[in-house]
Amino acid sequence: MPKLTNVVNNSLPGHLAIIMDGNGRWAKNRNLPRIAGHKAGVDSLHAIVKSCALKKIQVLTVYAFSSENWKRPGSEVSLLMDLFVSSLQKDVDELSNNNIRLRFIGDLSVFSVKLQKLITKAEESTSKNTGLQLVVAINYGGRWDITNTLRAIAQKVKDGKINPDDIDEEMVQASISLSDLPEPDLFIRTGGEMRISNYLLWQLAYTELYFTDCLWPDFSTTELDKALAWYSGRERRFGCISEQLSSVNNA
């Protein structure tokens, strides 16, 4: 990845969330093993990360491995874990050189000690970077996220720190994953499926949803630009009507 330069466009999302779907089908279409599709997907991610950084998008959150993906064949899961390890070993210095901060969300406790140490090291070594924040959701599920949040709030009630009547949306928001970041403005799912698959259930409440048949390994920067052009034409009303937005913008 070459050194990045700055490009600013106010019509772009501040936070982009992606489900990178279609790696296995991409490989199958080429009579390749599924892991070949996942490796090609990593190459696509590199290109999209670079493009987001160039465009000055603040946050890119990608769904790398869901809590449901453990149901896949053991051999595929094992190869995916090896791919995570090798990617962390190879890519962190490159991210740092381009001022990109790497973060992870999800239940990391189930992973090998080696992978957990690599994740911790990657987060620490890029923690002072001020450019794009790349968030990787790994062993993550939206229901898990909400359940964890409710459990933490319930413990505060049990300990007498708060009353049940104190619980509101702001309290939940403060405890949910990515609470320190703006909520996603644009969600992209590749691969032709039209669902959010337990991804950022709380955070996607007012996010614009974009679905494409393009399989993730084929999702180029040109495909990203198509999604961003679609987003730039959206009117985000957040429960208001168009006239209200016009009056605010003209004030």
C-alpha atoms as a PDB file:
ATOM      1  CA  MET A   1       0.000   0.000   0.000  1.00  0.00           C
ATOM      2  CA  PRO A   2       1.634   3.314  -1.063  1.00  0.00           C
ATOM      3  CA  LYS A   3       1.638   6.375   1.149  1.00  0.00           C
ATOM      4  CA  LEU A   4      -1.804   7.963   1.140  1.00  0.00           C
ATOM      5  CA  THR A   5      -2.775  11.539   0.305  1.00  0.00           C
ATOM      6  CA  ASN A   6      -5.835  13.412   1.490  1.00  0.00           C
ATOM      7  CA  VAL A   7      -9.083  13.693  -0.483  1.00  0.00           C
ATOM      8  CA  VAL A   8     -12.110  15.300   1.164  1.00  0.00           C
ATOM      9  CA  ASN A   9     -15.754  15.018   0.051  1.00  0.00           C
ATOM     10  CA  ASN A  10     -18.553  16.121   2.378  1.00  0.00           C
ATOM     11  CA  SER A  11     -21.117  13.929   0.593  1.00  0.00           C
ATOM     12  CA  LEU A  12     -19.315  10.798   1.758  1.00  0.00           C
ATOM     13  CA  PRO A  13     -20.338   8.777   4.821  1.00  0.00           C
ATOM     14  CA  GLY A  14     -18.358   9.384   7.969  1.00  0.00           C
ATOM     15  CA  HIS A  15     -18.783   5.747   8.994  1.00  0.00           C
ATOM     16  CA  LEU A  16     -19.101   2.917   6.480  1.00  0.00           C
ATOM     17  CA  ALA A  17     -20.082  -0.600   7.575  1.00  0.00           C
ATOM     18  CA  ILE A  18     -19.652  -3.591   5.251  1.00  0.00           C
ATOM     19  CA  ILE A  19     -20.647  -7.250   5.198  1.00  0.00           C
ATOM     20  CA  MET A  20     -18.056  -8.838   2.916  1.00  0.00           C
ATOM     21  CA  ASP A  21     -20.169 -11.668   1.490  1.00  0.00           C
ATOM     22  CA  GLY A  22     -19.589 -14.025  -1.423  1.00  0.00           C
ATOM     23  CA  ASN A  23     -16.025 -15.296  -0.979  1.00  0.00           C
ATOM     24  CA  GLY A  24     -17.036 -18.960  -1.059  1.00  0.00           C
ATOM     25  CA  ARG A  25     -19.272 -18.568  -4.108  1.00  0.00           C
ATOM     26  CA  TRP A  26     -16.538 -16.632  -5.900  1.00  0.00           C
ATOM     27  CA  ALA A  27     -14.175 -19.571  -5.357  1.00  0.00           C
ATOM     28  CA  LYS A  28     -16.807 -22.157  -6.333  1.00  0.00           C
ATOM     29  CA  ASN A  29     -17.484 -20.323  -9.619  1.00  0.00           C
ATOM     30  CA  ARG A  30     -13.796 -20.802 -10.426  1.00  0.00           C
ATOM     31  CA  ASN A  31     -13.547 -24.415  -9.209  1.00  0.00           C
ATOM     32  CA  LEU A  32     -11.247 -23.280  -6.412  1.00  0.00           C
ATOM     33  CA  PRO A  33     -11.278 -24.228  -2.722  1.00  0.00           C
ATOM     34  CA  ARG A  34     -13.297 -21.860  -0.527  1.00  0.00           C
ATOM     35  CA  ILE A  35     -10.186 -20.580   1.239  1.00  0.00           C
ATOM     36  CA  ALA A  36      -9.002 -19.191  -2.118  1.00  0.00           C
ATOM     37  CA  GLY A  37     -12.083 -16.978  -2.079  1.00  0.00           C
ATOM     38  CA  HIS A  38     -11.301 -15.769   1.436  1.00  0.00           C
ATOM     39  CA  LYS A  39      -7.723 -14.945   0.407  1.00  0.00           C
ATOM     40  CA  ALA A  40      -9.039 -13.019  -2.605  1.00  0.00           C
ATOM     41  CA  GLY A  41     -11.416 -11.261  -0.221  1.00  0.00           C
ATOM     42  CA  VAL A  42      -8.469 -10.050   1.859  1.00  0.00           C
ATOM     43  CA  ASP A  43      -7.004  -8.473  -1.286  1.00  0.00           C
ATOM     44  CA  SER A  44     -10.304  -6.693  -1.914  1.00  0.00           C
ATOM     45  CA  LEU A  45     -10.330  -5.439   1.664  1.00  0.00           C
ATOM     46  CA  HIS A  46      -6.856  -3.970   1.207  1.00  0.00           C
ATOM     47  CA  ALA A  47      -8.070  -1.989  -1.816  1.00  0.00           C
ATOM     48  CA  ILE A  48     -11.216  -0.765  -0.060  1.00  0.00           C
ATOM     49  CA  VAL A  49      -9.301   0.268   3.066  1.00  0.00           C
ATOM     50  CA  LYS A  50      -6.888   2.259   0.912  1.00  0.00           C
ATOM     51  CA  SER A  51      -9.765   3.918  -0.961  1.00  0.00           C
ATOM     52  CA  CYS A  52     -11.612   4.836   2.244  1.00  0.00           C
ATOM     53  CA  ALA A  53      -8.443   6.330   3.691  1.00  0.00           C
ATOM     54  CA  LEU A  54      -7.849   8.373   0.543  1.00  0.00           C
ATOM     55  CA  LYS A  55     -11.424   9.648   0.655  1.00  0.00           C
ATOM     56  CA  LYS A  56     -11.030  10.655   4.323  1.00  0.00           C
ATOM     57  CA  ILE A  57     -13.849   8.390   5.496  1.00  0.00           C
ATOM     58  CA  GLN A  58     -13.481   8.376   9.271  1.00  0.00           C
ATOM     59  CA  VAL A  59     -14.508   4.810  10.138  1.00  0.00           C
ATOM     60  CA  LEU A  60     -14.731   1.551   8.187  1.00  0.00           C
ATOM     61  CA  THR A  61     -16.266  -1.382  10.082  1.00  0.00           C
ATOM     62  CA  VAL A  62     -16.132  -4.794   8.395  1.00  0.00           C
ATOM     63  CA  TYR A  63     -17.773  -8.075   9.364  1.00  0.00           C
ATOM     64  CA  ALA A  64     -14.899 -10.565   9.189  1.00  0.00           C
ATOM     65  CA  PHE A  65     -16.321 -13.482  11.184  1.00  0.00           C
ATOM     66  CA  SER A  66     -19.754 -13.658  12.783  1.00  0.00           C
ATOM     67  CA  SER A  67     -20.689 -15.622  15.892  1.00  0.00           C
ATOM     68  CA  GLU A  68     -22.725 -17.856  13.553  1.00  0.00           C
ATOM     69  CA  ASN A  69     -19.728 -18.667  11.329  1.00  0.00           C
ATOM     70  CA  TRP A  70     -18.566 -21.316  13.808  1.00  0.00           C
ATOM     71  CA  LYS A  71     -21.255 -23.531  12.239  1.00  0.00           C
ATOM     72  CA  ARG A  72     -19.167 -23.805   9.067  1.00  0.00           C
ATOM     73  CA  PRO A  73     -17.032 -26.921   8.429  1.00  0.00           C
ATOM     74  CA  GLY A  74     -14.205 -27.170  10.942  1.00  0.00           C
ATOM     75  CA  SER A  75     -11.562 -27.248   8.210  1.00  0.00           C
ATOM     76  CA  GLU A  76     -12.776 -23.918   6.797  1.00  0.00           C
ATOM     77  CA  VAL A  77     -12.905 -22.295  10.246  1.00  0.00           C
ATOM     78  CA  SER A  78      -9.361 -23.487  10.958  1.00  0.00           C
ATOM     79  CA  LEU A  79      -8.087 -22.054   7.684  1.00  0.00           C
ATOM     80  CA  LEU A  80      -9.866 -18.764   8.409  1.00  0.00           C
ATOM     81  CA  MET A  81      -8.142 -18.540  11.791  1.00  0.00           C
ATOM     82  CA  ASP A  82      -4.780 -19.121  10.068  1.00  0.00           C
ATOM     83  CA  LEU A  83      -5.668 -16.375   7.574  1.00  0.00           C
ATOM     84  CA  PHE A  84      -6.466 -13.942  10.404  1.00  0.00           C
ATOM     85  CA  VAL A  85      -3.095 -14.682  11.998  1.00  0.00           C
ATOM     86  CA  SER A  86      -1.114 -14.270   8.783  1.00  0.00           C
ATOM     87  CA  SER A  87      -2.962 -11.057   7.884  1.00  0.00           C
ATOM     88  CA  LEU A  88      -2.232  -9.527  11.282  1.00  0.00           C
ATOM     89  CA  GLN A  89       1.422 -10.508  11.023  1.00  0.00           C
ATOM     90  CA  LYS A  90       1.792  -8.975   7.556  1.00  0.00           C
ATOM     91  CA  ASP A  91      -0.496  -5.948   7.453  1.00  0.00           C
ATOM     92  CA  VAL A  92      -0.225  -4.038  10.738  1.00  0.00           C
ATOM     93  CA  ASP A  93       2.984  -2.174   9.869  1.00  0.00           C
ATOM     94  CA  GLU A  94       1.470  -1.153   6.536  1.00  0.00           C
ATOM     95  CA  LEU A  95      -1.626   0.204   8.290  1.00  0.00           C
ATOM     96  CA  SER A  96       0.533   2.165  10.724  1.00  0.00           C
ATOM     97  CA  ASN A  97       2.605   3.639   7.904  1.00  0.00           C
ATOM     98  CA  ASN A  98      -0.631   5.040   6.479  1.00  0.00           C
ATOM     99  CA  ASN A  99      -1.882   6.426   9.828  1.00  0.00           C
ATOM    100  CA  ILE A 100      -4.716   3.863  10.056  1.00  0.00           C
ATOM    101  CA  ARG A 101      -5.941   2.734  13.464  1.00  0.00           C
ATOM    102  CA  LEU A 102      -7.008  -0.908  13.810  1.00  0.00           C
ATOM    103  CA  ARG A 103      -9.673  -1.973  16.321  1.00  0.00           C
ATOM    104  CA  PHE A 104     -11.621  -5.193  16.969  1.00  0.00           C
ATOM    105  CA  ILE A 105     -15.099  -5.842  18.365  1.00  0.00           C
ATOM    106  CA  GLY A 106     -16.635  -9.164  19.370  1.00  0.00           C
ATOM    107  CA  ASP A 107     -16.025 -11.937  21.872  1.00  0.00           C
ATOM    108  CA  LEU A 108     -12.278 -12.422  21.462  1.00  0.00           C
ATOM    109  CA  SER A 109     -11.938 -14.774  24.442  1.00  0.00           C
ATOM    110  CA  VAL A 110     -12.660 -17.873  22.346  1.00  0.00           C
ATOM    111  CA  PHE A 111      -9.654 -17.428  20.063  1.00  0.00           C
ATOM    112  CA  SER A 112      -6.218 -18.958  20.498  1.00  0.00           C
ATOM    113  CA  VAL A 113      -3.773 -17.201  22.800  1.00  0.00           C
ATOM    114  CA  LYS A 114      -1.587 -16.468  19.771  1.00  0.00           C
ATOM    115  CA  LEU A 115      -4.401 -14.732  17.895  1.00  0.00           C
ATOM    116  CA  GLN A 116      -5.508 -12.789  20.978  1.00  0.00           C
ATOM    117  CA  LYS A 117      -1.946 -11.534  21.506  1.00  0.00           C
ATOM    118  CA  LEU A 118      -1.668 -10.482  17.867  1.00  0.00           C
ATOM    119  CA  ILE A 119      -4.984  -8.607  18.129  1.00  0.00           C
ATOM    120  CA  THR A 120      -3.863  -6.812  21.290  1.00  0.00           C
ATOM    121  CA  LYS A 121      -0.508  -5.928  19.759  1.00  0.00           C
ATOM    122  CA  ALA A 122      -2.169  -4.626  16.574  1.00  0.00           C
ATOM    123  CA  GLU A 123      -4.558  -2.421  18.530  1.00  0.00           C
ATOM    124  CA  GLU A 124      -1.799  -1.056  20.755  1.00  0.00           C
ATOM    125  CA  SER A 125       0.680  -0.390  17.952  1.00  0.00           C
ATOM    126  CA  THR A 126      -1.876   1.588  15.907  1.00  0.00           C
ATOM    127  CA  SER A 127      -3.710   3.260  18.809  1.00  0.00           C
ATOM    128  CA  LYS A 128      -2.134   6.693  18.260  1.00  0.00           C
ATOM    129  CA  ASN A 129      -2.902   6.821  14.533  1.00  0.00           C
ATOM    130  CA  THR A 130      -5.312   9.613  13.628  1.00  0.00           C
ATOM    131  CA  GLY A 131      -6.506   8.646  10.154  1.00  0.00           C
ATOM    132  CA  LEU A 132      -9.094   6.054   9.155  1.00  0.00           C
ATOM    133  CA  GLN A 133     -10.290   3.802  11.962  1.00  0.00           C
ATOM    134  CA  LEU A 134     -10.583   0.242  10.636  1.00  0.00           C
ATOM    135  CA  VAL A 135     -12.858  -1.784  12.920  1.00  0.00           C
ATOM    136  CA  VAL A 136     -12.919  -5.550  12.426  1.00  0.00           C
ATOM    137  CA  ALA A 137     -15.944  -7.408  13.820  1.00  0.00           C
ATOM    138  CA  ILE A 138     -14.756 -10.912  14.646  1.00  0.00           C
ATOM    139  CA  ASN A 139     -16.822 -13.510  16.525  1.00  0.00           C
ATOM    140  CA  TYR A 140     -19.332 -10.689  16.697  1.00  0.00           C
ATOM    141  CA  GLY A 141     -23.137 -10.745  16.728  1.00  0.00           C
ATOM    142  CA  GLY A 142     -25.568  -7.879  17.188  1.00  0.00           C
ATOM    143  CA  ARG A 143     -27.679  -9.851  19.659  1.00  0.00           C
ATOM    144  CA  TRP A 144     -24.540 -10.746  21.624  1.00  0.00           C
ATOM    145  CA  ASP A 145     -23.645  -7.057  21.694  1.00  0.00           C
ATOM    146  CA  ILE A 146     -27.057  -5.984  23.006  1.00  0.00           C
ATOM    147  CA  THR A 147     -27.183  -8.851  25.512  1.00  0.00           C
ATOM    148  CA  ASN A 148     -23.771  -7.886  26.903  1.00  0.00           C
ATOM    149  CA  THR A 149     -24.908  -4.289  27.204  1.00  0.00           C
ATOM    150  CA  LEU A 150     -28.099  -5.221  29.039  1.00  0.00           C
ATOM    151  CA  ARG A 151     -26.147  -7.525  31.346  1.00  0.00           C
ATOM    152  CA  ALA A 152     -23.795  -4.684  32.289  1.00  0.00           C
ATOM    153  CA  ILE A 153     -26.716  -2.338  32.959  1.00  0.00           C
ATOM    154  CA  ALA A 154     -28.536  -4.990  34.998  1.00  0.00           C
ATOM    155  CA  GLN A 155     -25.419  -5.413  37.147  1.00  0.00           C
ATOM    156  CA  LYS A 156     -25.462  -1.673  37.881  1.00  0.00           C
ATOM    157  CA  VAL A 157     -29.096  -1.977  38.986  1.00  0.00           C
ATOM    158  CA  LYS A 158     -28.228  -4.973  41.172  1.00  0.00           C
ATOM    159  CA  ASP A 159     -25.339  -3.070  42.751  1.00  0.00           C
ATOM    160  CA  GLY A 160     -27.628  -0.150  43.528  1.00  0.00           C
ATOM    161  CA  LYS A 161     -25.725   2.257  41.283  1.00  0.00           C
ATOM    162  CA  ILE A 162     -28.796   3.061  39.163  1.00  0.00           C
ATOM    163  CA  ASN A 163     -32.558   2.544  39.311  1.00  0.00           C
ATOM    164  CA  PRO A 164     -34.503   0.766  36.552  1.00  0.00           C
ATOM    165  CA  ASP A 165     -36.184   4.076  35.722  1.00  0.00           C
ATOM    166  CA  ASP A 166     -32.743   5.541  34.932  1.00  0.00           C
ATOM    167  CA  ILE A 167     -32.317   3.224  31.937  1.00  0.00           C
ATOM    168  CA  ASP A 168     -32.804   5.015  28.632  1.00  0.00           C
ATOM    169  CA  GLU A 169     -31.462   4.881  25.067  1.00  0.00           C
ATOM    170  CA  GLU A 170     -28.480   7.037  25.979  1.00  0.00           C
ATOM    171  CA  MET A 171     -27.418   4.571  28.671  1.00  0.00           C
ATOM    172  CA  VAL A 172     -27.633   1.644  26.263  1.00  0.00           C
ATOM    173  CA  GLN A 173     -25.764   3.617  23.613  1.00  0.00           C
ATOM    174  CA  ALA A 174     -22.993   4.397  26.080  1.00  0.00           C
ATOM    175  CA  SER A 175     -22.369   0.689  26.735  1.00  0.00           C
ATOM    176  CA  ILE A 176     -22.771  -0.791  23.238  1.00  0.00           C
ATOM    177  CA  SER A 177     -19.806  -1.618  20.981  1.00  0.00           C
ATOM    178  CA  LEU A 178     -18.436   1.417  19.108  1.00  0.00           C
ATOM    179  CA  SER A 179     -20.185   3.796  21.523  1.00  0.00           C
ATOM    180  CA  ASP A 180     -17.309   6.266  21.095  1.00  0.00           C
ATOM    181  CA  LEU A 181     -17.782   6.431  17.313  1.00  0.00           C
ATOM    182  CA  PRO A 182     -20.520   7.921  15.118  1.00  0.00           C
ATOM    183  CA  GLU A 183     -23.141   5.395  14.055  1.00  0.00           C
ATOM    184  CA  PRO A 184     -22.761   4.010  10.510  1.00  0.00           C
ATOM    185  CA  ASP A 185     -24.064   6.297   7.785  1.00  0.00           C
ATOM    186  CA  LEU A 186     -23.901   3.680   5.034  1.00  0.00           C
ATOM    187  CA  PHE A 187     -24.112  -0.115   5.165  1.00  0.00           C
ATOM    188  CA  ILE A 188     -22.974  -2.195   2.191  1.00  0.00           C
ATOM    189  CA  ARG A 189     -23.589  -5.901   1.741  1.00  0.00           C
ATOM    190  CA  THR A 190     -22.080  -7.696  -1.210  1.00  0.00           C
ATOM    191  CA  GLY A 191     -23.009 -11.113  -2.575  1.00  0.00           C
ATOM    192  CA  GLY A 192     -26.686 -10.592  -3.392  1.00  0.00           C
ATOM    193  CA  GLU A 193     -28.221 -11.317   0.014  1.00  0.00           C
ATOM    194  CA  MET A 194     -30.595  -8.643   1.320  1.00  0.00           C
ATOM    195  CA  ARG A 195     -30.377  -8.889   5.096  1.00  0.00           C
ATOM    196  CA  ILE A 196     -28.133  -7.563   7.849  1.00  0.00           C
ATOM    197  CA  SER A 197     -27.430 -10.978   9.429  1.00  0.00           C
ATOM    198  CA  ASN A 198     -27.131 -10.005  13.095  1.00  0.00           C
ATOM    199  CA  TYR A 199     -24.631  -7.238  12.317  1.00  0.00           C
ATOM    200  CA  LEU A 200     -24.610  -4.018  14.371  1.00  0.00           C
ATOM    201  CA  LEU A 201     -28.333  -4.347  15.136  1.00  0.00           C
ATOM    202  CA  TRP A 202     -28.410  -1.367  17.494  1.00  0.00           C
ATOM    203  CA  GLN A 203     -25.995   0.794  15.520  1.00  0.00           C
ATOM    204  CA  LEU A 204     -27.745   0.431  12.125  1.00  0.00           C
ATOM    205  CA  ALA A 205     -31.050   1.954  13.268  1.00  0.00           C
ATOM    206  CA  TYR A 206     -30.839   4.940  10.866  1.00  0.00           C
ATOM    207  CA  THR A 207     -28.197   3.701   8.455  1.00  0.00           C
ATOM    208  CA  GLU A 208     -28.738   3.758   4.676  1.00  0.00           C
ATOM    209  CA  LEU A 209     -28.697   0.152   3.391  1.00  0.00           C
ATOM    210  CA  TYR A 210     -27.057  -0.711   0.071  1.00  0.00           C
ATOM    211  CA  PHE A 211     -27.128  -4.227  -1.400  1.00  0.00           C
ATOM    212  CA  THR A 212     -25.229  -5.440  -4.448  1.00  0.00           C
ATOM    213  CA  ASP A 213     -24.978  -8.763  -6.285  1.00  0.00           C
ATOM    214  CA  CYS A 214     -21.235  -8.236  -6.678  1.00  0.00           C
ATOM    215  CA  LEU A 215     -19.289 -10.933  -4.807  1.00  0.00           C
ATOM    216  CA  TRP A 216     -16.821  -9.515  -2.317  1.00  0.00           C
ATOM    217  CA  PRO A 217     -13.583 -10.529  -4.124  1.00  0.00           C
ATOM    218  CA  ASP A 218     -14.944  -8.631  -7.167  1.00  0.00           C
ATOM    219  CA  PHE A 219     -15.923  -5.560  -5.115  1.00  0.00           C
ATOM    220  CA  SER A 220     -13.461  -3.067  -6.544  1.00  0.00           C
ATOM    221  CA  THR A 221     -12.991   0.612  -5.821  1.00  0.00           C
ATOM    222  CA  THR A 222     -15.266   1.241  -8.823  1.00  0.00           C
ATOM    223  CA  GLU A 223     -18.027  -0.738  -7.090  1.00  0.00           C
ATOM    224  CA  LEU A 224     -17.371   1.233  -3.903  1.00  0.00           C
ATOM    225  CA  ASP A 225     -17.734   4.483  -5.842  1.00  0.00           C
ATOM    226  CA  LYS A 226     -21.107   3.275  -7.156  1.00  0.00           C
ATOM    227  CA  ALA A 227     -22.303   2.712  -3.597  1.00  0.00           C
ATOM    228  CA  LEU A 228     -20.999   6.079  -2.476  1.00  0.00           C
ATOM    229  CA  ALA A 229     -22.689   7.816  -5.422  1.00  0.00           C
ATOM    230  CA  TRP A 230     -25.971   6.125  -4.438  1.00  0.00           C
ATOM    231  CA  TYR A 231     -25.472   7.289  -0.852  1.00  0.00           C
ATOM    232  CA  SER A 232     -24.803  10.875  -1.913  1.00  0.00           C
ATOM    233  CA  GLY A 233     -28.270  10.974  -3.489  1.00  0.00           C
ATOM    234  CA  ARG A 234     -30.076   9.815  -0.366  1.00  0.00           C
ATOM    235  CA  GLU A 235     -32.082  12.238   1.780  1.00  0.00           C
ATOM    236  CA  ARG A 236     -31.477  11.285   5.402  1.00  0.00           C
ATOM    237  CA  ARG A 237     -34.495  12.519   7.363  1.00  0.00           C
ATOM    238  CA  PHE A 238     -34.126  10.715  10.727  1.00  0.00           C
ATOM    239  CA  GLY A 239     -37.903  10.793  11.259  1.00  0.00           C
ATOM    240  CA  CYS A 240     -38.371  14.350   9.976  1.00  0.00           C
ATOM    241  CA  ILE A 241     -39.914  15.455   6.673  1.00  0.00           C
ATOM    242  CA  SER A 242     -38.062  17.037   3.759  1.00  0.00           C
ATOM    243  CA  GLU A 243     -39.371  20.526   4.480  1.00  0.00           C
ATOM    244  CA  GLN A 244     -37.975  20.408   8.005  1.00  0.00           C
ATOM    245  CA  LEU A 245     -34.544  19.479   6.707  1.00  0.00           C
ATOM    246  CA  SER A 246     -34.682  22.298   4.162  1.00  0.00           C
ATOM    247  CA  SER A 247     -35.528  24.867   6.830  1.00  0.00           C
ATOM    248  CA  VAL A 248     -32.621  23.698   8.987  1.00  0.00           C
ATOM    249  CA  ASN A 249     -30.169  23.723   6.085  1.00  0.00           C
ATOM    250  CA  ASN A 250     -31.270  27.192   5.026  1.00  0.00           C
ATOM    251  CA  ALA A 251     -31.121  28.656   8.533  1.00  0.00           C
END
